[in-house]
Amino acid sequence: MEPLDQMYQNLGIDRRVLSLAGEVEASLKERFLEIDRTAEYNQLKVLSAMQKNRVAEAHFSGSTGYGYNDMGREALEQVYADIFHAQSALVRPQITCGTHALAVALAANLRPGDQLLSPVGKPYDTLEEVIGIRESKGSLKEYGITYAQADLKEDGSFDYEAIERCINEKTKLATIQRSKGYASRPTLSVARIGELIAFLKSKKPDIICMVDNCYGEFTEELEPTDVGADMCVGSLIKNPGGGLAPCGGYIVGREDCIEQAAYRLSSPGLGKEVGASLGLNQTLFQGLFLAPTVTAGAIKGAVFAAALYEKLGFPVYPPAAAKRYDIIQAVDLGSPEALKAFCAGIQAAAPVDSFVTPEPWAMPGYDSDVIMAAGAFIQGSSIELSADGPLRPPYTVFFQGGLTWYHAKTGILFSVQKLLEKNLLSF
């Protein structure tokens, strides 16, 4: 027996699972080479931005208190702006998560009487309360900001006629969610986002186009700001933090939009001048430097998961052969038992809390119980190996992350093993 197979079997992976996985992995060599080429391009892009801005050891020193004159923070924000080919950036540990970053960007650039438009259907669950689709204290709706939505067509294409009907003189900002969230729709490529932005601006030239870029950074050579996005928003505990950032978020884009966001995050009159980095500058720089290769490992894991579960007969989104525009792989498991077993497998493969069994619970911001598996070094870090899904038909699991391809692969093997042990599949 090969030493590698022996190691997997020592961890509890059945020989049948290993055999099937070996066949699938062998079929993906060309795909993996393509993923590596994208990672190499993005690695050079990050390196170039750091060298251009003369990143130095002195930038790793942190600030406290007000955070005045934090040259490391300022250099990091300029590096982000250059990577995204944007005018300005706000990159702060004070941004608690992706939803917070989106809420800051929206509230900063909308005023009472304005209309917010989603031209790509229903936004991610946690944004519903930010907008006021579901009633919540402090929502945009409470401040007199209205909301319009144009759903995607059944084939996932944009409904341009419906979008045009939504646009009026009050339409101030369009929010474009790149990734699928808890839905089976296709993730949007940068090219498709560019087409949508061009259409929106042809109908209303002054509309602000904001892209929720969560899970999409470094999956392609271009970012949404390269194709006309006025703002691009994301979380540092996803792709751009490289698995090292312990918290934080970013907003990049047009200078006036970012200035407004800075005033909203801190205070009018203070803006970007305050916000202590608290010794995190080195970690945020290093995580960003690693992000292209960490993201590539996560994409390989997603492709492998799709190919393996497709072979086992499960509906997968996107299909194994599809190009990737984020790190998320969705699998329709068909029952709550299978969803729980899959997540138990991911948890069992974790380096942290591997002995814990995940259970569904009523998470804040969601309208149904959610199960989450994440034995992560950083709490909630979805660039690390993780899986989650709402307890509702068709019991879809959303798998993402893995700081290395090998760990992502191991997690998928464990998920299949748990389904096999529960007699929820056979082969």
Protein backbone atom coordinates (compact mmCIF):
# COMPACT_ATOMS: atom_id res chain seq x y z
CA MET A 1 0.00 0.00 0.00
CA GLU A 2 1.21 3.50 -0.84
CA PRO A 3 2.30 5.49 2.26
CA LEU A 4 -0.10 8.29 1.29
CA ASP A 5 -3.07 5.91 1.12
CA GLN A 6 -2.00 4.44 4.44
CA MET A 7 -2.04 7.90 5.99
CA TYR A 8 -5.59 8.50 4.75
CA GLN A 9 -6.72 5.10 5.99
CA ASN A 10 -5.14 5.80 9.38
CA LEU A 11 -7.38 8.89 9.51
CA GLY A 12 -10.42 6.71 8.81
CA ILE A 13 -10.93 7.08 5.05
CA ASP A 14 -12.28 3.94 3.37
CA ARG A 15 -10.28 2.36 0.55
CA ARG A 16 -13.28 2.73 -1.79
CA VAL A 17 -13.38 6.49 -1.17
CA LEU A 18 -9.66 6.77 -1.90
CA SER A 19 -9.98 4.80 -5.12
CA LEU A 20 -12.81 6.96 -6.44
CA ALA A 21 -11.03 10.15 -5.36
CA GLY A 22 -7.85 9.06 -7.16
CA GLU A 23 -9.75 8.66 -10.44
CA VAL A 24 -11.35 12.08 -10.06
CA GLU A 25 -8.11 13.85 -9.15
CA ALA A 26 -6.28 12.33 -12.13
CA SER A 27 -8.92 13.79 -14.46
CA LEU A 28 -8.36 17.32 -13.17
CA LYS A 29 -4.68 17.89 -13.99
CA GLU A 30 -5.31 20.36 -16.82
CA ARG A 31 -7.86 22.28 -14.74
CA PHE A 32 -5.39 22.60 -11.90
CA LEU A 33 -2.72 23.93 -14.24
CA GLU A 34 -5.13 26.63 -15.41
CA ILE A 35 -5.91 27.58 -11.80
CA ASP A 36 -2.18 27.80 -11.04
CA ARG A 37 -1.62 30.13 -14.01
CA THR A 38 -4.24 32.53 -12.68
CA ALA A 39 -2.65 32.37 -9.23
CA GLU A 40 0.76 33.15 -10.70
CA TYR A 41 -0.62 36.21 -12.52
CA ASN A 42 -2.30 37.47 -9.35
CA GLN A 43 0.80 36.79 -7.26
CA LEU A 44 2.76 39.05 -9.59
CA LYS A 45 0.03 41.68 -9.39
CA VAL A 46 0.22 41.73 -5.59
CA LEU A 47 4.03 41.74 -5.60
CA SER A 48 4.10 44.62 -8.08
CA ALA A 49 1.73 46.71 -5.93
CA MET A 50 3.82 46.11 -2.82
CA GLN A 51 7.05 47.03 -4.58
CA LYS A 52 5.50 50.09 -6.21
CA ASN A 53 4.47 51.37 -2.77
CA ARG A 54 7.88 50.57 -1.28
CA VAL A 55 6.50 48.40 1.50
CA ALA A 56 9.13 48.32 4.24
CA GLU A 57 9.62 46.76 7.65
CA ALA A 58 8.72 50.13 9.17
CA HIS A 59 5.18 49.66 7.80
CA PHE A 60 4.66 46.67 10.10
CA SER A 61 4.59 48.80 13.25
CA GLY A 62 1.12 49.25 14.67
CA SER A 63 -0.69 52.21 16.14
CA THR A 64 -2.96 52.57 19.16
CA GLY A 65 -5.55 55.03 20.36
CA TYR A 66 -6.68 57.35 17.59
CA GLY A 67 -4.31 55.77 15.10
CA TYR A 68 -3.04 59.06 13.72
CA ASN A 69 -0.12 58.94 11.25
CA ASP A 70 -0.24 55.16 10.81
CA MET A 71 1.99 54.87 7.73
CA GLY A 72 1.60 51.09 7.58
CA ARG A 73 -2.19 51.38 7.39
CA GLU A 74 -1.88 54.04 4.70
CA ALA A 75 0.56 51.93 2.67
CA LEU A 76 -1.71 48.88 2.93
CA GLU A 77 -4.68 50.86 1.65
CA GLN A 78 -2.66 52.16 -1.27
CA VAL A 79 -1.53 48.61 -2.10
CA TYR A 80 -5.17 47.49 -2.15
CA ALA A 81 -6.12 50.43 -4.36
CA ASP A 82 -3.35 49.55 -6.83
CA ILE A 83 -4.21 45.83 -6.93
CA PHE A 84 -7.82 46.72 -7.72
CA HIS A 85 -6.83 49.58 -10.06
CA ALA A 86 -8.98 51.88 -7.93
CA GLN A 87 -8.59 55.46 -6.77
CA SER A 88 -8.81 54.76 -3.06
CA ALA A 89 -9.26 52.03 -0.46
CA LEU A 90 -10.47 51.60 3.10
CA VAL A 91 -8.92 48.50 4.72
CA ARG A 92 -9.59 48.28 8.43
CA PRO A 93 -9.70 45.74 11.26
CA GLN A 94 -12.59 47.81 12.67
CA ILE A 95 -14.79 46.39 9.86
CA THR A 96 -16.12 43.27 11.56
CA CYS A 97 -17.24 41.18 8.59
CA GLY A 98 -18.36 41.29 4.96
CA THR A 99 -21.91 42.27 5.91
CA HIS A 100 -20.54 45.16 7.97
CA ALA A 101 -18.39 46.35 5.06
CA LEU A 102 -21.43 46.28 2.77
CA ALA A 103 -23.58 48.08 5.34
CA VAL A 104 -20.95 50.81 5.73
CA ALA A 105 -20.63 51.29 1.96
CA LEU A 106 -24.39 51.41 1.46
CA ALA A 107 -25.27 53.67 4.39
CA ALA A 108 -22.40 56.02 3.50
CA ASN A 109 -23.49 56.57 -0.08
CA LEU A 110 -27.29 56.56 0.25
CA ARG A 111 -29.51 59.28 1.70
CA PRO A 112 -33.19 59.44 2.72
CA GLY A 113 -35.36 59.35 -0.40
CA ASP A 114 -32.80 57.41 -2.45
CA GLN A 115 -33.57 54.03 -3.97
CA LEU A 116 -31.26 51.02 -3.73
CA LEU A 117 -31.48 48.54 -6.61
CA SER A 118 -30.44 44.90 -6.73
CA PRO A 119 -30.39 43.89 -10.43
CA VAL A 120 -29.32 40.31 -9.63
CA GLY A 121 -32.20 39.13 -7.46
CA LYS A 122 -32.42 38.61 -3.73
CA PRO A 123 -29.23 39.48 -1.82
CA TYR A 124 -27.48 37.27 0.70
CA ASP A 125 -29.55 36.55 3.83
CA THR A 126 -27.64 38.84 6.22
CA LEU A 127 -28.05 41.82 3.89
CA GLU A 128 -31.85 41.54 4.03
CA GLU A 129 -31.93 43.11 7.49
CA VAL A 130 -29.41 45.77 6.48
CA ILE A 131 -31.73 46.82 3.64
CA GLY A 132 -34.98 46.29 5.55
CA ILE A 133 -36.40 43.47 3.41
CA ARG A 134 -36.75 41.78 6.79
CA GLU A 135 -37.54 44.30 9.50
CA SER A 136 -34.57 45.20 11.67
CA LYS A 137 -33.55 48.10 13.86
CA GLY A 138 -31.27 50.55 12.08
CA SER A 139 -32.03 49.25 8.57
CA LEU A 140 -31.79 51.46 5.50
CA LYS A 141 -35.57 51.28 5.29
CA GLU A 142 -35.85 53.02 8.69
CA TYR A 143 -33.88 55.92 7.21
CA GLY A 144 -36.27 56.35 4.29
CA ILE A 145 -34.22 54.49 1.68
CA THR A 146 -36.36 52.38 -0.62
CA TYR A 147 -35.44 49.13 -2.33
CA ALA A 148 -36.14 47.64 -5.75
CA GLN A 149 -35.19 44.22 -7.06
CA ALA A 150 -35.00 42.69 -10.53
CA ASP A 151 -34.72 38.91 -10.41
CA LEU A 152 -32.49 36.95 -12.73
CA LYS A 153 -34.12 34.90 -15.45
CA GLU A 154 -34.48 31.14 -14.99
CA ASP A 155 -31.28 30.51 -16.94
CA GLY A 156 -29.35 32.91 -14.69
CA SER A 157 -29.15 35.72 -17.25
CA PHE A 158 -29.93 39.35 -16.48
CA ASP A 159 -33.51 40.52 -17.03
CA TYR A 160 -32.61 43.83 -18.64
CA GLU A 161 -36.23 44.83 -19.20
CA ALA A 162 -37.07 44.30 -15.53
CA ILE A 163 -33.94 46.18 -14.48
CA GLU A 164 -34.85 49.14 -16.67
CA ARG A 165 -38.35 49.23 -15.19
CA CYS A 166 -36.84 49.52 -11.69
CA ILE A 167 -34.64 52.49 -12.53
CA ASN A 168 -36.05 55.95 -11.85
CA GLU A 169 -34.87 59.39 -10.78
CA LYS A 170 -34.45 58.19 -7.17
CA THR A 171 -32.25 55.21 -8.03
CA LYS A 172 -28.90 56.09 -6.48
CA LEU A 173 -26.97 52.84 -6.08
CA ALA A 174 -27.01 49.33 -7.53
CA THR A 175 -25.69 46.47 -5.41
CA ILE A 176 -24.35 43.53 -7.40
CA GLN A 177 -23.67 40.31 -5.51
CA ARG A 178 -20.94 38.38 -7.31
CA SER A 179 -21.25 35.07 -5.47
CA LYS A 180 -24.35 32.94 -5.17
CA GLY A 181 -24.99 33.12 -1.41
CA TYR A 182 -27.51 30.50 -0.33
CA ALA A 183 -28.85 30.11 -3.87
CA SER A 184 -28.18 27.90 -6.88
CA ARG A 185 -27.73 30.72 -9.37
CA PRO A 186 -24.43 31.05 -11.26
CA THR A 187 -21.69 33.15 -9.72
CA LEU A 188 -21.05 36.23 -11.84
CA SER A 189 -17.83 36.50 -13.79
CA VAL A 190 -16.05 39.85 -13.93
CA ALA A 191 -16.95 40.04 -17.62
CA ARG A 192 -20.68 39.63 -16.90
CA ILE A 193 -20.48 42.18 -14.09
CA GLY A 194 -18.91 44.59 -16.57
CA GLU A 195 -21.77 44.06 -19.02
CA LEU A 196 -24.33 44.74 -16.29
CA ILE A 197 -22.54 47.89 -15.11
CA ALA A 198 -22.35 49.19 -18.68
CA PHE A 199 -26.11 48.67 -19.06
CA LEU A 200 -26.92 50.36 -15.74
CA LYS A 201 -24.79 53.38 -16.58
CA SER A 202 -26.28 53.62 -20.07
CA LYS A 203 -29.69 54.07 -18.42
CA LYS A 204 -28.52 56.27 -15.53
CA PRO A 205 -24.95 57.57 -15.91
CA ASP A 206 -24.67 58.79 -12.29
CA ILE A 207 -25.72 55.51 -10.68
CA ILE A 208 -23.19 54.11 -8.19
CA CYS A 209 -22.41 50.46 -8.93
CA MET A 210 -21.22 48.50 -5.90
CA VAL A 211 -20.06 44.88 -6.10
CA ASP A 212 -20.18 42.47 -3.19
CA ASN A 213 -16.90 40.76 -4.03
CA CYS A 214 -16.91 38.24 -1.17
CA TYR A 215 -15.39 34.87 -2.17
CA GLY A 216 -14.42 36.19 -5.60
CA GLU A 217 -11.09 37.96 -5.08
CA PHE A 218 -8.15 36.53 -7.08
CA THR A 219 -10.26 33.85 -8.80
CA GLU A 220 -9.76 35.73 -12.09
CA GLU A 221 -7.07 38.04 -13.42
CA LEU A 222 -9.45 41.02 -13.29
CA GLU A 223 -11.52 42.44 -10.43
CA PRO A 224 -14.88 44.26 -10.74
CA THR A 225 -13.19 47.67 -10.43
CA ASP A 226 -11.40 46.85 -13.70
CA VAL A 227 -14.77 46.82 -15.50
CA GLY A 228 -16.44 49.91 -14.10
CA ALA A 229 -17.48 49.14 -10.52
CA ASP A 230 -17.50 52.30 -8.40
CA MET A 231 -17.02 50.28 -5.23
CA CYS A 232 -15.87 46.75 -4.50
CA VAL A 233 -16.45 45.33 -1.03
CA GLY A 234 -15.20 42.26 0.82
CA SER A 235 -14.01 40.57 4.00
CA LEU A 236 -10.42 39.98 5.08
CA ILE A 237 -11.30 36.61 6.61
CA LYS A 238 -12.16 35.42 3.13
CA ASN A 239 -9.83 35.38 0.09
CA PRO A 240 -7.77 38.58 0.46
CA GLY A 241 -6.69 37.87 4.04
CA GLY A 242 -4.86 34.74 2.91
CA GLY A 243 -5.92 32.89 6.05
CA LEU A 244 -3.76 35.14 8.24
CA ALA A 245 -5.95 38.22 8.72
CA PRO A 246 -7.72 37.76 12.08
CA CYS A 247 -10.52 40.21 11.22
CA GLY A 248 -11.35 43.15 9.00
CA GLY A 249 -12.84 44.19 5.71
CA TYR A 250 -12.13 46.37 2.71
CA ILE A 251 -13.92 48.84 0.46
CA VAL A 252 -12.08 49.96 -2.69
CA GLY A 253 -13.13 52.16 -5.56
CA ARG A 254 -13.92 55.73 -6.50
CA GLU A 255 -12.34 58.28 -4.19
CA ASP A 256 -15.55 60.13 -3.28
CA CYS A 257 -17.37 56.86 -2.46
CA ILE A 258 -14.52 55.66 -0.27
CA GLU A 259 -14.31 59.01 1.50
CA GLN A 260 -18.01 58.75 2.35
CA ALA A 261 -17.45 55.19 3.63
CA ALA A 262 -14.58 56.35 5.85
CA TYR A 263 -16.76 59.06 7.39
CA ARG A 264 -19.47 56.49 8.02
CA LEU A 265 -17.07 53.96 9.58
CA SER A 266 -15.46 56.49 11.94
CA SER A 267 -17.11 59.90 12.14
CA PRO A 268 -17.85 62.94 9.98
CA GLY A 269 -14.76 65.11 10.01
CA LEU A 270 -12.44 62.22 10.95
CA GLY A 271 -12.74 59.72 8.12
CA LYS A 272 -9.58 57.78 7.21
CA GLU A 273 -7.36 59.75 9.61
CA VAL A 274 -8.32 57.60 12.60
CA GLY A 275 -8.46 53.87 13.28
CA ALA A 276 -5.62 52.14 15.10
CA SER A 277 -4.06 49.13 13.36
CA LEU A 278 -3.20 47.54 16.73
CA GLY A 279 -0.14 45.65 15.50
CA LEU A 280 -1.98 43.91 12.65
CA ASN A 281 -0.24 45.57 9.71
CA GLN A 282 2.33 42.81 9.14
CA THR A 283 -0.34 40.11 9.29
CA LEU A 284 -2.58 41.94 6.82
CA PHE A 285 0.30 42.56 4.41
CA GLN A 286 1.51 38.95 4.62
CA GLY A 287 -1.99 37.51 4.29
CA LEU A 288 -2.57 39.62 1.18
CA PHE A 289 0.74 38.41 -0.27
CA LEU A 290 -0.31 34.77 0.24
CA ALA A 291 -3.89 35.32 -0.92
CA PRO A 292 -3.49 34.35 -4.62
CA THR A 293 -2.03 30.92 -3.83
CA VAL A 294 -4.36 30.27 -0.89
CA THR A 295 -7.32 31.16 -3.13
CA ALA A 296 -6.00 28.80 -5.81
CA GLY A 297 -5.95 25.94 -3.29
CA ALA A 298 -9.54 26.68 -2.35
CA ILE A 299 -10.62 26.73 -6.02
CA LYS A 300 -8.96 23.36 -6.60
CA GLY A 301 -10.88 22.01 -3.62
CA ALA A 302 -14.16 23.33 -5.05
CA VAL A 303 -13.49 21.78 -8.48
CA PHE A 304 -12.53 18.46 -6.87
CA ALA A 305 -15.69 18.49 -4.72
CA ALA A 306 -17.85 19.16 -7.77
CA ALA A 307 -16.25 16.38 -9.81
CA LEU A 308 -16.43 13.83 -6.99
CA TYR A 309 -20.02 14.54 -5.96
CA GLU A 310 -21.10 14.73 -9.59
CA LYS A 311 -19.70 11.22 -10.03
CA LEU A 312 -21.67 10.12 -6.97
CA GLY A 313 -24.89 11.37 -8.61
CA PHE A 314 -25.56 14.56 -6.64
CA PRO A 315 -26.61 17.83 -8.32
CA VAL A 316 -23.73 20.30 -8.02
CA TYR A 317 -23.53 24.06 -8.66
CA PRO A 318 -21.49 24.99 -10.59
CA PRO A 319 -20.85 21.81 -12.58
CA ALA A 320 -17.37 20.33 -12.38
CA ALA A 321 -16.44 21.48 -15.89
CA ALA A 322 -17.55 25.10 -15.38
CA LYS A 323 -15.10 27.98 -15.04
CA ARG A 324 -14.75 29.32 -11.50
CA TYR A 325 -15.52 32.85 -10.39
CA ASP A 326 -15.57 32.24 -6.63
CA ILE A 327 -14.40 29.59 -4.17
CA ILE A 328 -17.83 28.19 -3.29
CA GLN A 329 -19.14 24.78 -4.31
CA ALA A 330 -22.80 23.94 -3.71
CA VAL A 331 -24.10 20.37 -3.54
CA ASP A 332 -27.78 19.45 -3.26
CA LEU A 333 -27.76 16.64 -0.70
CA GLY A 334 -31.51 16.02 -0.61
CA SER A 335 -32.04 15.48 3.13
CA PRO A 336 -31.22 17.07 6.48
CA GLU A 337 -29.39 13.89 7.48
CA ALA A 338 -27.07 14.14 4.49
CA LEU A 339 -26.44 17.85 5.12
CA LYS A 340 -25.52 17.12 8.73
CA ALA A 341 -23.28 14.20 7.71
CA PHE A 342 -21.42 16.29 5.13
CA CYS A 343 -20.75 19.04 7.69
CA ALA A 344 -19.69 16.45 10.26
CA GLY A 345 -17.11 15.22 7.76
CA ILE A 346 -15.71 18.71 7.17
CA GLN A 347 -15.51 19.28 10.92
CA ALA A 348 -13.76 15.94 11.44
CA ALA A 349 -11.07 16.99 8.94
CA ALA A 350 -10.35 20.28 10.74
CA PRO A 351 -7.09 21.05 12.57
CA VAL A 352 -9.10 22.81 15.30
CA ASP A 353 -12.14 21.34 17.10
CA SER A 354 -12.08 18.20 14.97
CA PHE A 355 -13.79 16.32 17.83
CA VAL A 356 -16.86 18.59 17.74
CA THR A 357 -20.11 17.62 15.99
CA PRO A 358 -21.77 20.64 14.30
CA GLU A 359 -25.49 21.10 14.92
CA PRO A 360 -28.03 23.43 13.25
CA TRP A 361 -28.99 26.57 15.16
CA ALA A 362 -30.81 29.86 14.72
CA MET A 363 -27.93 32.09 13.63
CA PRO A 364 -28.43 35.87 13.76
CA GLY A 365 -29.30 37.32 10.35
CA TYR A 366 -30.81 34.13 8.87
CA ASP A 367 -34.47 33.16 8.48
CA SER A 368 -33.95 29.41 9.03
CA ASP A 369 -31.67 27.23 11.14
CA VAL A 370 -28.16 26.97 9.70
CA ILE A 371 -25.51 24.31 10.21
CA MET A 372 -21.89 25.35 10.00
CA ALA A 373 -18.71 23.29 10.08
CA ALA A 374 -15.54 25.27 10.63
CA GLY A 375 -12.61 24.08 12.66
CA ALA A 376 -10.70 27.23 11.87
CA PHE A 377 -7.74 29.11 13.32
CA ILE A 378 -9.76 32.33 12.78
CA GLN A 379 -13.38 32.18 13.95
CA GLY A 380 -15.73 32.27 10.96
CA SER A 381 -12.91 32.36 8.42
CA SER A 382 -14.39 30.96 5.23
CA ILE A 383 -11.10 30.93 3.34
CA GLU A 384 -10.29 28.11 5.75
CA LEU A 385 -11.94 24.71 5.28
CA SER A 386 -15.62 25.17 6.03
CA ALA A 387 -19.11 24.14 4.99
CA ASP A 388 -22.53 25.44 5.85
CA GLY A 389 -26.12 25.44 4.70
CA PRO A 390 -29.66 26.32 5.77
CA LEU A 391 -31.90 23.49 6.98
CA ARG A 392 -34.42 23.80 4.17
CA PRO A 393 -35.04 21.86 0.93
CA PRO A 394 -33.15 20.87 -1.18
CA TYR A 395 -30.69 20.77 1.75
CA THR A 396 -27.85 22.33 -0.14
CA VAL A 397 -24.41 22.46 1.42
CA PHE A 398 -22.05 25.29 0.52
CA PHE A 399 -18.43 24.16 0.74
CA GLN A 400 -15.51 26.55 0.57
CA GLY A 401 -11.96 27.15 1.59
CA GLY A 402 -8.95 25.18 2.63
CA LEU A 403 -5.70 27.02 3.32
CA THR A 404 -4.03 24.40 1.14
CA TRP A 405 -5.35 22.21 -1.67
CA TYR A 406 -4.37 19.13 0.31
CA HIS A 407 -6.50 20.14 3.25
CA ALA A 408 -9.46 20.96 1.00
CA LYS A 409 -9.11 17.49 -0.56
CA THR A 410 -8.98 15.84 2.87
CA GLY A 411 -12.15 17.63 3.94
CA ILE A 412 -14.03 16.39 0.89
CA LEU A 413 -12.85 12.82 1.50
CA PHE A 414 -14.09 13.02 5.08
CA SER A 415 -17.48 14.35 3.91
CA VAL A 416 -17.92 11.35 1.57
CA GLN A 417 -16.77 9.01 4.32
CA LYS A 418 -19.43 10.32 6.74
CA LEU A 419 -22.17 9.93 4.12
CA LEU A 420 -20.98 6.37 3.51
CA GLU A 421 -20.99 5.55 7.23
CA LYS A 422 -24.54 6.88 7.58
CA ASN A 423 -25.68 4.70 4.63
CA LEU A 424 -26.65 7.86 2.73
CA LEU A 425 -24.78 6.78 -0.40
CA SER A 426 -23.30 3.61 -1.84
CA PHE A 427 -20.77 2.82 -4.58
